């Protein structure tokens, strides 16, 4: 099962807040679709899906803080 993790965000940035999911569990998504929106103290950015498939599991809710490298979702 391909895992989606929060990638490195640049020097000194260790975490981000998940502000919005563009899809819900069970939705079909394509590679490069915007999967989620995150904010840091410096920027807001969209995280594109690294894979195509079904969003089978999300590990964080909107408003949660996610550390770099943490698994945020599984796409089957």
PDB file of N, CA and C in Angstrom:
ATOM      1  N   UNK A   1       0.839  -1.188   0.000  1.00  0.00           N
ATOM      2  CA  UNK A   1       0.000   0.000   0.000  1.00  0.00           C
ATOM      3  C   UNK A   1       0.880   1.245   0.000  1.00  0.00           C
ATOM      4  N   UNK A   2       0.788   2.049  -1.026  1.00  0.00           N
ATOM      5  CA  UNK A   2       1.581   3.276  -1.076  1.00  0.00           C
ATOM      6  C   UNK A   2       1.168   4.255   0.022  1.00  0.00           C
ATOM      7  N   UNK A   3       2.149   4.703   0.775  1.00  0.00           N
ATOM      8  CA  UNK A   3       1.917   5.654   1.855  1.00  0.00           C
ATOM      9  C   UNK A   3       2.268   7.061   1.396  1.00  0.00           C
ATOM     10  N   UNK A   4       1.489   8.025   1.840  1.00  0.00           N
ATOM     11  CA  UNK A   4       1.763   9.428   1.571  1.00  0.00           C
ATOM     12  C   UNK A   4       2.297  10.024   2.867  1.00  0.00           C
ATOM     13  N   UNK A   5       3.471  10.650   2.793  1.00  0.00           N
ATOM     14  CA  UNK A   5       4.064  11.278   3.971  1.00  0.00           C
ATOM     15  C   UNK A   5       4.256  12.765   3.715  1.00  0.00           C
ATOM     16  N   UNK A   6       4.320  13.524   4.807  1.00  0.00           N
ATOM     17  CA  UNK A   6       4.602  14.949   4.675  1.00  0.00           C
ATOM     18  C   UNK A   6       6.085  15.098   4.344  1.00  0.00           C
ATOM     19  N   UNK A   7       6.404  15.653   3.185  1.00  0.00           N
ATOM     20  CA  UNK A   7       7.811  15.749   2.770  1.00  0.00           C
ATOM     21  C   UNK A   7       8.558  16.859   3.520  1.00  0.00           C
ATOM     22  N   UNK A   8       9.844  16.889   3.327  1.00  0.00           N
ATOM     23  CA  UNK A   8      10.674  17.957   3.881  1.00  0.00           C
ATOM     24  C   UNK A   8      10.141  19.300   3.391  1.00  0.00           C
ATOM     25  N   UNK A   9      10.087  20.258   4.302  1.00  0.00           N
ATOM     26  CA  UNK A   9       9.494  21.553   3.972  1.00  0.00           C
ATOM     27  C   UNK A   9      10.511  22.680   3.907  1.00  0.00           C
ATOM     28  N   UNK A  10      11.757  22.341   4.021  1.00  0.00           N
ATOM     29  CA  UNK A  10      12.787  23.361   3.968  1.00  0.00           C
ATOM     30  C   UNK A  10      13.499  23.482   5.308  1.00  0.00           C
ATOM     31  N   UNK A  11      14.568  24.194   5.285  1.00  0.00           N
ATOM     32  CA  UNK A  11      15.428  24.323   6.453  1.00  0.00           C
ATOM     33  C   UNK A  11      14.687  24.917   7.654  1.00  0.00           C
ATOM     34  N   UNK A  12      14.714  24.206   8.750  1.00  0.00           N
ATOM     35  CA  UNK A  12      14.131  24.703   9.991  1.00  0.00           C
ATOM     36  C   UNK A  12      12.644  24.488  10.153  1.00  0.00           C
ATOM     37  N   UNK A  13      11.964  23.978   9.132  1.00  0.00           N
ATOM     38  CA  UNK A  13      10.520  23.747   9.244  1.00  0.00           C
ATOM     39  C   UNK A  13      10.299  22.269   9.549  1.00  0.00           C
ATOM     40  N   UNK A  14       9.764  21.996  10.734  1.00  0.00           N
ATOM     41  CA  UNK A  14       9.616  20.626  11.220  1.00  0.00           C
ATOM     42  C   UNK A  14       8.183  20.111  11.170  1.00  0.00           C
ATOM     43  N   UNK A  15       7.192  21.028  11.020  1.00  0.00           N
ATOM     44  CA  UNK A  15       5.796  20.609  11.079  1.00  0.00           C
ATOM     45  C   UNK A  15       4.928  21.577  10.288  1.00  0.00           C
ATOM     46  N   UNK A  16       3.702  21.113  10.009  1.00  0.00           N
ATOM     47  CA  UNK A  16       2.721  21.942   9.308  1.00  0.00           C
ATOM     48  C   UNK A  16       1.336  21.574   9.829  1.00  0.00           C
ATOM     49  N   UNK A  17       0.396  22.470   9.657  1.00  0.00           N
ATOM     50  CA  UNK A  17      -0.987  22.209  10.043  1.00  0.00           C
ATOM     51  C   UNK A  17      -1.781  21.808   8.810  1.00  0.00           C
ATOM     52  N   UNK A  18      -2.473  20.666   8.908  1.00  0.00           N
ATOM     53  CA  UNK A  18      -3.334  20.219   7.815  1.00  0.00           C
ATOM     54  C   UNK A  18      -4.597  21.074   7.870  1.00  0.00           C
ATOM     55  N   UNK A  19      -4.810  21.875   6.843  1.00  0.00           N
ATOM     56  CA  UNK A  19      -5.951  22.793   6.873  1.00  0.00           C
ATOM     57  C   UNK A  19      -7.143  22.321   6.050  1.00  0.00           C
ATOM     58  N   UNK A  20      -6.905  21.444   5.050  1.00  0.00           N
ATOM     59  CA  UNK A  20      -8.027  21.036   4.201  1.00  0.00           C
ATOM     60  C   UNK A  20      -7.700  19.760   3.445  1.00  0.00           C
ATOM     61  N   UNK A  21      -8.609  18.801   3.452  1.00  0.00           N
ATOM     62  CA  UNK A  21      -8.530  17.623   2.586  1.00  0.00           C
ATOM     63  C   UNK A  21      -9.366  17.907   1.335  1.00  0.00           C
ATOM     64  N   UNK A  22      -8.808  17.699   0.148  1.00  0.00           N
ATOM     65  CA  UNK A  22      -9.552  17.884  -1.093  1.00  0.00           C
ATOM     66  C   UNK A  22     -10.389  16.656  -1.453  1.00  0.00           C
ATOM     67  N   UNK A  23     -10.074  15.521  -0.838  1.00  0.00           N
ATOM     68  CA  UNK A  23     -10.799  14.278  -1.084  1.00  0.00           C
ATOM     69  C   UNK A  23     -11.137  13.642   0.254  1.00  0.00           C
ATOM     70  N   UNK A  24     -12.105  12.720   0.235  1.00  0.00           N
ATOM     71  CA  UNK A  24     -12.426  11.979   1.445  1.00  0.00           C
ATOM     72  C   UNK A  24     -12.108  10.504   1.223  1.00  0.00           C
ATOM     73  N   UNK A  25     -12.043   9.736   2.300  1.00  0.00           N
ATOM     74  CA  UNK A  25     -11.754   8.312   2.197  1.00  0.00           C
ATOM     75  C   UNK A  25     -12.734   7.663   1.223  1.00  0.00           C
ATOM     76  N   UNK A  26     -12.194   6.828   0.351  1.00  0.00           N
ATOM     77  CA  UNK A  26     -13.004   6.142  -0.642  1.00  0.00           C
ATOM     78  C   UNK A  26     -13.018   6.816  -1.997  1.00  0.00           C
ATOM     79  N   UNK A  27     -12.566   8.047  -2.070  1.00  0.00           N
ATOM     80  CA  UNK A  27     -12.540   8.776  -3.347  1.00  0.00           C
ATOM     81  C   UNK A  27     -11.396   8.279  -4.231  1.00  0.00           C
ATOM     82  N   UNK A  28     -11.658   8.296  -5.537  1.00  0.00           N
ATOM     83  CA  UNK A  28     -10.626   7.976  -6.523  1.00  0.00           C
ATOM     84  C   UNK A  28      -9.860   9.262  -6.820  1.00  0.00           C
ATOM     85  N   UNK A  29      -8.527   9.146  -6.832  1.00  0.00           N
ATOM     86  CA  UNK A  29      -7.699  10.310  -7.117  1.00  0.00           C
ATOM     87  C   UNK A  29      -6.646   9.958  -8.156  1.00  0.00           C
ATOM     88  N   UNK A  30      -6.170  10.971  -8.840  1.00  0.00           N
ATOM     89  CA  UNK A  30      -5.128  10.798  -9.845  1.00  0.00           C
ATOM     90  C   UNK A  30      -3.824  11.382  -9.320  1.00  0.00           C
ATOM     91  N   UNK A  31      -2.731  10.834  -9.823  1.00  0.00           N
ATOM     92  CA  UNK A  31      -1.423  11.360  -9.462  1.00  0.00           C
ATOM     93  C   UNK A  31      -1.376  12.850  -9.790  1.00  0.00           C
ATOM     94  N   UNK A  32      -0.835  13.624  -8.899  1.00  0.00           N
ATOM     95  CA  UNK A  32      -0.663  15.069  -9.014  1.00  0.00           C
ATOM     96  C   UNK A  32      -1.919  15.869  -8.685  1.00  0.00           C
ATOM     97  N   UNK A  33      -3.070  15.210  -8.407  1.00  0.00           N
ATOM     98  CA  UNK A  33      -4.226  15.947  -7.885  1.00  0.00           C
ATOM     99  C   UNK A  33      -3.840  16.545  -6.540  1.00  0.00           C
ATOM    100  N   UNK A  34      -4.335  17.740  -6.234  1.00  0.00           N
ATOM    101  CA  UNK A  34      -4.112  18.292  -4.904  1.00  0.00           C
ATOM    102  C   UNK A  34      -4.828  17.402  -3.892  1.00  0.00           C
ATOM    103  N   UNK A  35      -4.061  16.859  -2.966  1.00  0.00           N
ATOM    104  CA  UNK A  35      -4.605  15.932  -1.965  1.00  0.00           C
ATOM    105  C   UNK A  35      -5.018  16.679  -0.705  1.00  0.00           C
ATOM    106  N   UNK A  36      -4.144  17.563  -0.221  1.00  0.00           N
ATOM    107  CA  UNK A  36      -4.416  18.288   1.016  1.00  0.00           C
ATOM    108  C   UNK A  36      -3.711  19.640   0.995  1.00  0.00           C
ATOM    109  N   UNK A  37      -4.235  20.555   1.811  1.00  0.00           N
ATOM    110  CA  UNK A  37      -3.620  21.862   1.979  1.00  0.00           C
ATOM    111  C   UNK A  37      -2.994  21.926   3.368  1.00  0.00           C
ATOM    112  N   UNK A  38      -1.800  22.485   3.441  1.00  0.00           N
ATOM    113  CA  UNK A  38      -1.077  22.637   4.702  1.00  0.00           C
ATOM    114  C   UNK A  38      -0.650  24.083   4.875  1.00  0.00           C
ATOM    115  N   UNK A  39      -0.471  24.493   6.134  1.00  0.00           N
ATOM    116  CA  UNK A  39       0.101  25.801   6.420  1.00  0.00           C
ATOM    117  C   UNK A  39       1.243  25.635   7.419  1.00  0.00           C
ATOM    118  N   UNK A  40       2.228  26.502   7.264  1.00  0.00           N
ATOM    119  CA  UNK A  40       3.316  26.626   8.233  1.00  0.00           C
ATOM    120  C   UNK A  40       3.312  28.082   8.682  1.00  0.00           C
ATOM    121  N   UNK A  41       4.252  28.440   9.539  1.00  0.00           N
ATOM    122  CA  UNK A  41       4.328  29.839   9.956  1.00  0.00           C
ATOM    123  C   UNK A  41       4.805  30.741   8.824  1.00  0.00           C
ATOM    124  N   UNK A  42       5.275  30.125   7.721  1.00  0.00           N
ATOM    125  CA  UNK A  42       5.811  30.917   6.606  1.00  0.00           C
ATOM    126  C   UNK A  42       4.978  30.857   5.322  1.00  0.00           C
ATOM    127  N   UNK A  43       4.171  29.801   5.142  1.00  0.00           N
ATOM    128  CA  UNK A  43       3.485  29.649   3.855  1.00  0.00           C
ATOM    129  C   UNK A  43       2.291  28.700   3.957  1.00  0.00           C
ATOM    130  N   UNK A  44       1.440  28.777   2.935  1.00  0.00           N
ATOM    131  CA  UNK A  44       0.362  27.814   2.720  1.00  0.00           C
ATOM    132  C   UNK A  44       0.666  27.107   1.413  1.00  0.00           C
ATOM    133  N   UNK A  45       0.502  25.785   1.391  1.00  0.00           N
ATOM    134  CA  UNK A  45       0.818  25.040   0.172  1.00  0.00           C
ATOM    135  C   UNK A  45      -0.094  23.824   0.044  1.00  0.00           C
ATOM    136  N   UNK A  46      -0.238  23.355  -1.203  1.00  0.00           N
ATOM    137  CA  UNK A  46      -0.987  22.137  -1.486  1.00  0.00           C
ATOM    138  C   UNK A  46      -0.007  20.984  -1.657  1.00  0.00           C
ATOM    139  N   UNK A  47      -0.387  19.827  -1.139  1.00  0.00           N
ATOM    140  CA  UNK A  47       0.407  18.617  -1.303  1.00  0.00           C
ATOM    141  C   UNK A  47      -0.243  17.784  -2.396  1.00  0.00           C
ATOM    142  N   UNK A  48       0.440  17.583  -3.536  1.00  0.00           N
ATOM    143  CA  UNK A  48      -0.136  16.760  -4.604  1.00  0.00           C
ATOM    144  C   UNK A  48      -0.026  15.283  -4.267  1.00  0.00           C
ATOM    145  N   UNK A  49      -0.950  14.509  -4.786  1.00  0.00           N
ATOM    146  CA  UNK A  49      -0.910  13.068  -4.588  1.00  0.00           C
ATOM    147  C   UNK A  49       0.251  12.465  -5.372  1.00  0.00           C
ATOM    148  N   UNK A  50       1.080  11.661  -4.718  1.00  0.00           N
ATOM    149  CA  UNK A  50       2.191  11.036  -5.431  1.00  0.00           C
ATOM    150  C   UNK A  50       1.769   9.806  -6.239  1.00  0.00           C
ATOM    151  N   UNK A  51       0.528   9.355  -6.056  1.00  0.00           N
ATOM    152  CA  UNK A  51       0.039   8.142  -6.712  1.00  0.00           C
ATOM    153  C   UNK A  51      -1.395   8.333  -7.183  1.00  0.00           C
ATOM    154  N   UNK A  52      -1.808   7.491  -8.130  1.00  0.00           N
ATOM    155  CA  UNK A  52      -3.217   7.382  -8.506  1.00  0.00           C
ATOM    156  C   UNK A  52      -3.806   6.197  -7.762  1.00  0.00           C
ATOM    157  N   UNK A  53      -5.086   6.263  -7.466  1.00  0.00           N
ATOM    158  CA  UNK A  53      -5.753   5.148  -6.796  1.00  0.00           C
ATOM    159  C   UNK A  53      -6.908   5.621  -5.948  1.00  0.00           C
ATOM    160  N   UNK A  54      -7.239   4.828  -4.927  1.00  0.00           N
ATOM    161  CA  UNK A  54      -8.325   5.132  -4.005  1.00  0.00           C
ATOM    162  C   UNK A  54      -7.724   5.589  -2.686  1.00  0.00           C
ATOM    163  N   UNK A  55      -8.195   6.712  -2.180  1.00  0.00           N
ATOM    164  CA  UNK A  55      -7.761   7.189  -0.871  1.00  0.00           C
ATOM    165  C   UNK A  55      -8.415   6.299   0.180  1.00  0.00           C
ATOM    166  N   UNK A  56      -7.654   5.326   0.667  1.00  0.00           N
ATOM    167  CA  UNK A  56      -8.258   4.315   1.536  1.00  0.00           C
ATOM    168  C   UNK A  56      -8.193   4.651   3.019  1.00  0.00           C
ATOM    169  N   UNK A  57      -7.239   5.485   3.433  1.00  0.00           N
ATOM    170  CA  UNK A  57      -7.106   5.796   4.858  1.00  0.00           C
ATOM    171  C   UNK A  57      -6.432   7.144   5.025  1.00  0.00           C
ATOM    172  N   UNK A  58      -6.972   7.978   5.919  1.00  0.00           N
ATOM    173  CA  UNK A  58      -6.312   9.219   6.307  1.00  0.00           C
ATOM    174  C   UNK A  58      -5.999   9.133   7.799  1.00  0.00           C
ATOM    175  N   UNK A  59      -4.849   9.658   8.185  1.00  0.00           N
ATOM    176  CA  UNK A  59      -4.385   9.538   9.561  1.00  0.00           C
ATOM    177  C   UNK A  59      -4.507  10.830  10.362  1.00  0.00           C
ATOM    178  N   UNK A  60      -4.851  11.934   9.701  1.00  0.00           N
ATOM    179  CA  UNK A  60      -4.983  13.213  10.381  1.00  0.00           C
ATOM    180  C   UNK A  60      -6.256  13.908   9.930  1.00  0.00           C
ATOM    181  N   UNK A  61      -6.800  14.723  10.806  1.00  0.00           N
ATOM    182  CA  UNK A  61      -7.979  15.522  10.493  1.00  0.00           C
ATOM    183  C   UNK A  61      -7.571  16.957  10.223  1.00  0.00           C
ATOM    184  N   UNK A  62      -8.468  17.709   9.610  1.00  0.00           N
ATOM    185  CA  UNK A  62      -8.225  19.126   9.389  1.00  0.00           C
ATOM    186  C   UNK A  62      -8.000  19.792  10.742  1.00  0.00           C
ATOM    187  N   UNK A  63      -6.967  20.626  10.816  1.00  0.00           N
ATOM    188  CA  UNK A  63      -6.618  21.297  12.055  1.00  0.00           C
ATOM    189  C   UNK A  63      -5.503  20.616  12.830  1.00  0.00           C
ATOM    190  N   UNK A  64      -5.172  19.382  12.466  1.00  0.00           N
ATOM    191  CA  UNK A  64      -4.103  18.642  13.144  1.00  0.00           C
ATOM    192  C   UNK A  64      -2.729  19.124  12.694  1.00  0.00           C
ATOM    193  N   UNK A  65      -1.772  19.036  13.603  1.00  0.00           N
ATOM    194  CA  UNK A  65      -0.381  19.335  13.286  1.00  0.00           C
ATOM    195  C   UNK A  65       0.319  18.046  12.886  1.00  0.00           C
ATOM    196  N   UNK A  66       1.047  18.102  11.770  1.00  0.00           N
ATOM    197  CA  UNK A  66       1.742  16.940  11.213  1.00  0.00           C
ATOM    198  C   UNK A  66       3.236  17.245  11.166  1.00  0.00           C
ATOM    199  N   UNK A  67       4.041  16.304  11.639  1.00  0.00           N
ATOM    200  CA  UNK A  67       5.490  16.468  11.584  1.00  0.00           C
ATOM    201  C   UNK A  67       6.015  15.959  10.242  1.00  0.00           C
ATOM    202  N   UNK A  68       7.095  16.574   9.761  1.00  0.00           N
ATOM    203  CA  UNK A  68       7.746  16.130   8.531  1.00  0.00           C
ATOM    204  C   UNK A  68       8.073  14.640   8.658  1.00  0.00           C
ATOM    205  N   UNK A  69       7.743  13.874   7.614  1.00  0.00           N
ATOM    206  CA  UNK A  69       8.012  12.442   7.591  1.00  0.00           C
ATOM    207  C   UNK A  69       6.888  11.575   8.114  1.00  0.00           C
ATOM    208  N   UNK A  70       5.865  12.183   8.730  1.00  0.00           N
ATOM    209  CA  UNK A  70       4.746  11.383   9.237  1.00  0.00           C
ATOM    210  C   UNK A  70       3.835  10.954   8.099  1.00  0.00           C
ATOM    211  N   UNK A  71       3.285   9.750   8.243  1.00  0.00           N
ATOM    212  CA  UNK A  71       2.340   9.219   7.261  1.00  0.00           C
ATOM    213  C   UNK A  71       1.004   9.927   7.422  1.00  0.00           C
ATOM    214  N   UNK A  72       0.494  10.494   6.333  1.00  0.00           N
ATOM    215  CA  UNK A  72      -0.786  11.195   6.399  1.00  0.00           C
ATOM    216  C   UNK A  72      -1.927  10.419   5.750  1.00  0.00           C
ATOM    217  N   UNK A  73      -1.600   9.510   4.806  1.00  0.00           N
ATOM    218  CA  UNK A  73      -2.650   8.780   4.098  1.00  0.00           C
ATOM    219  C   UNK A  73      -2.085   7.535   3.423  1.00  0.00           C
ATOM    220  N   UNK A  74      -3.006   6.651   3.047  1.00  0.00           N
ATOM    221  CA  UNK A  74      -2.686   5.483   2.238  1.00  0.00           C
ATOM    222  C   UNK A  74      -3.561   5.519   0.999  1.00  0.00           C
ATOM    223  N   UNK A  75      -2.933   5.289  -0.148  1.00  0.00           N
ATOM    224  CA  UNK A  75      -3.654   5.228  -1.422  1.00  0.00           C
ATOM    225  C   UNK A  75      -3.457   3.833  -1.998  1.00  0.00           C
ATOM    226  N   UNK A  76      -4.560   3.153  -2.260  1.00  0.00           N
ATOM    227  CA  UNK A  76      -4.476   1.789  -2.820  1.00  0.00           C
ATOM    228  C   UNK A  76      -4.730   1.814  -4.309  1.00  0.00           C
TER     229      UNK A  76
END
